């Protein structure tokens, strides 16, 4: 445990930031999961819009790397295209 006043404050700040970042990361994962769990292409597109927007915000704020955001968007696109092709076949 730190003894110096500034170090004690730093521990408090780090914990507060960790909790804040953790909730943001959790929300991001939830939004992305919604896209993948949906079987309806129209609903998936709607969820993708929200998830993409949130991923972009996380990237700008430095929470995630831009390549990770791009990868997630690409995965969501592929999933939606596969749903659309399944809907056409049926």
Protein backbone atom coordinates (compact mmCIF):
# COMPACT_ATOMS: atom_id res chain seq x y z
CA UNK A 1 0.00 0.00 0.00
CA UNK A 2 1.40 3.41 -0.90
CA UNK A 3 2.53 5.74 1.85
CA UNK A 4 2.89 8.95 -0.14
CA UNK A 5 -0.17 11.16 -0.49
CA UNK A 6 0.07 11.49 -4.28
CA UNK A 7 0.46 7.73 -4.67
CA UNK A 8 -2.62 7.13 -2.52
CA UNK A 9 -4.58 9.50 -4.75
CA UNK A 10 -3.26 7.77 -7.86
CA UNK A 11 -4.55 4.42 -6.56
CA UNK A 12 -8.01 5.95 -6.06
CA UNK A 13 -7.98 7.47 -9.55
CA UNK A 14 -6.85 4.24 -11.19
CA UNK A 15 -9.61 2.24 -9.51
CA UNK A 16 -12.25 4.78 -10.55
CA UNK A 17 -11.01 4.74 -14.17
CA UNK A 18 -10.81 0.95 -14.23
CA UNK A 19 -14.46 0.63 -13.21
CA UNK A 20 -15.52 3.25 -15.76
CA UNK A 21 -13.59 1.56 -18.57
CA UNK A 22 -14.86 -1.85 -17.54
CA UNK A 23 -18.49 -0.77 -17.87
CA UNK A 24 -17.83 0.77 -21.29
CA UNK A 25 -16.08 -2.38 -22.50
CA UNK A 26 -18.96 -4.51 -21.23
CA UNK A 27 -21.51 -2.34 -23.00
CA UNK A 28 -19.52 -2.59 -26.24
CA UNK A 29 -19.43 -6.38 -26.02
CA UNK A 30 -23.17 -6.52 -25.36
CA UNK A 31 -23.93 -4.40 -28.43
CA UNK A 32 -21.76 -6.59 -30.64
CA UNK A 33 -23.30 -9.78 -29.25
CA UNK A 34 -26.79 -8.50 -30.07
CA UNK A 35 -25.84 -8.39 -33.74
CA UNK A 36 -24.57 -11.97 -33.75
CA UNK A 37 -27.48 -13.44 -31.81
CA UNK A 38 -30.14 -11.94 -34.07
CA UNK A 39 -31.52 -14.17 -36.83
CA UNK A 40 -33.47 -11.41 -38.58
CA UNK A 41 -31.32 -9.45 -41.08
CA UNK A 42 -33.28 -6.22 -40.61
CA UNK A 43 -32.93 -6.31 -36.83
CA UNK A 44 -29.25 -7.18 -37.19
CA UNK A 45 -28.70 -4.12 -39.39
CA UNK A 46 -30.39 -1.96 -36.78
CA UNK A 47 -28.22 -3.39 -33.99
CA UNK A 48 -25.12 -3.07 -36.19
CA UNK A 49 -25.71 0.65 -36.56
CA UNK A 50 -25.67 1.11 -32.77
CA UNK A 51 -22.66 -1.17 -32.31
CA UNK A 52 -20.67 0.50 -35.08
CA UNK A 53 -21.30 3.94 -33.61
CA UNK A 54 -20.20 2.79 -30.18
CA UNK A 55 -17.09 1.08 -31.55
CA UNK A 56 -16.11 4.30 -33.30
CA UNK A 57 -16.52 6.28 -30.08
CA UNK A 58 -14.43 3.75 -28.17
CA UNK A 59 -11.72 4.05 -30.81
CA UNK A 60 -11.64 7.84 -30.69
CA UNK A 61 -11.39 7.77 -26.90
CA UNK A 62 -8.55 5.25 -27.03
CA UNK A 63 -10.43 2.41 -25.34
CA UNK A 64 -9.84 -0.01 -28.21
CA UNK A 65 -7.46 -0.11 -31.17
CA UNK A 66 -8.79 1.05 -34.53
CA UNK A 67 -7.96 -2.31 -36.11
CA UNK A 68 -10.07 -4.10 -33.51
CA UNK A 69 -13.01 -1.84 -34.31
CA UNK A 70 -12.53 -2.47 -38.03
CA UNK A 71 -12.33 -6.23 -37.45
CA UNK A 72 -15.54 -6.25 -35.40
CA UNK A 73 -17.37 -4.20 -38.05
CA UNK A 74 -16.19 -6.59 -40.75
CA UNK A 75 -17.35 -9.61 -38.74
CA UNK A 76 -20.77 -8.02 -38.24
CA UNK A 77 -21.03 -7.30 -41.99
CA UNK A 78 -20.20 -10.90 -42.86
CA UNK A 79 -22.78 -12.16 -40.37
CA UNK A 80 -25.50 -9.91 -41.79
CA UNK A 81 -24.67 -10.96 -45.36
CA UNK A 82 -24.92 -14.61 -44.38
CA UNK A 83 -28.31 -13.94 -42.77
CA UNK A 84 -29.50 -12.22 -45.93
CA UNK A 85 -28.35 -15.10 -48.13
CA UNK A 86 -30.13 -17.59 -45.87
CA UNK A 87 -33.31 -15.51 -46.08
CA UNK A 88 -33.11 -15.48 -49.90
CA UNK A 89 -32.68 -19.24 -50.05
CA UNK A 90 -35.69 -19.89 -47.85
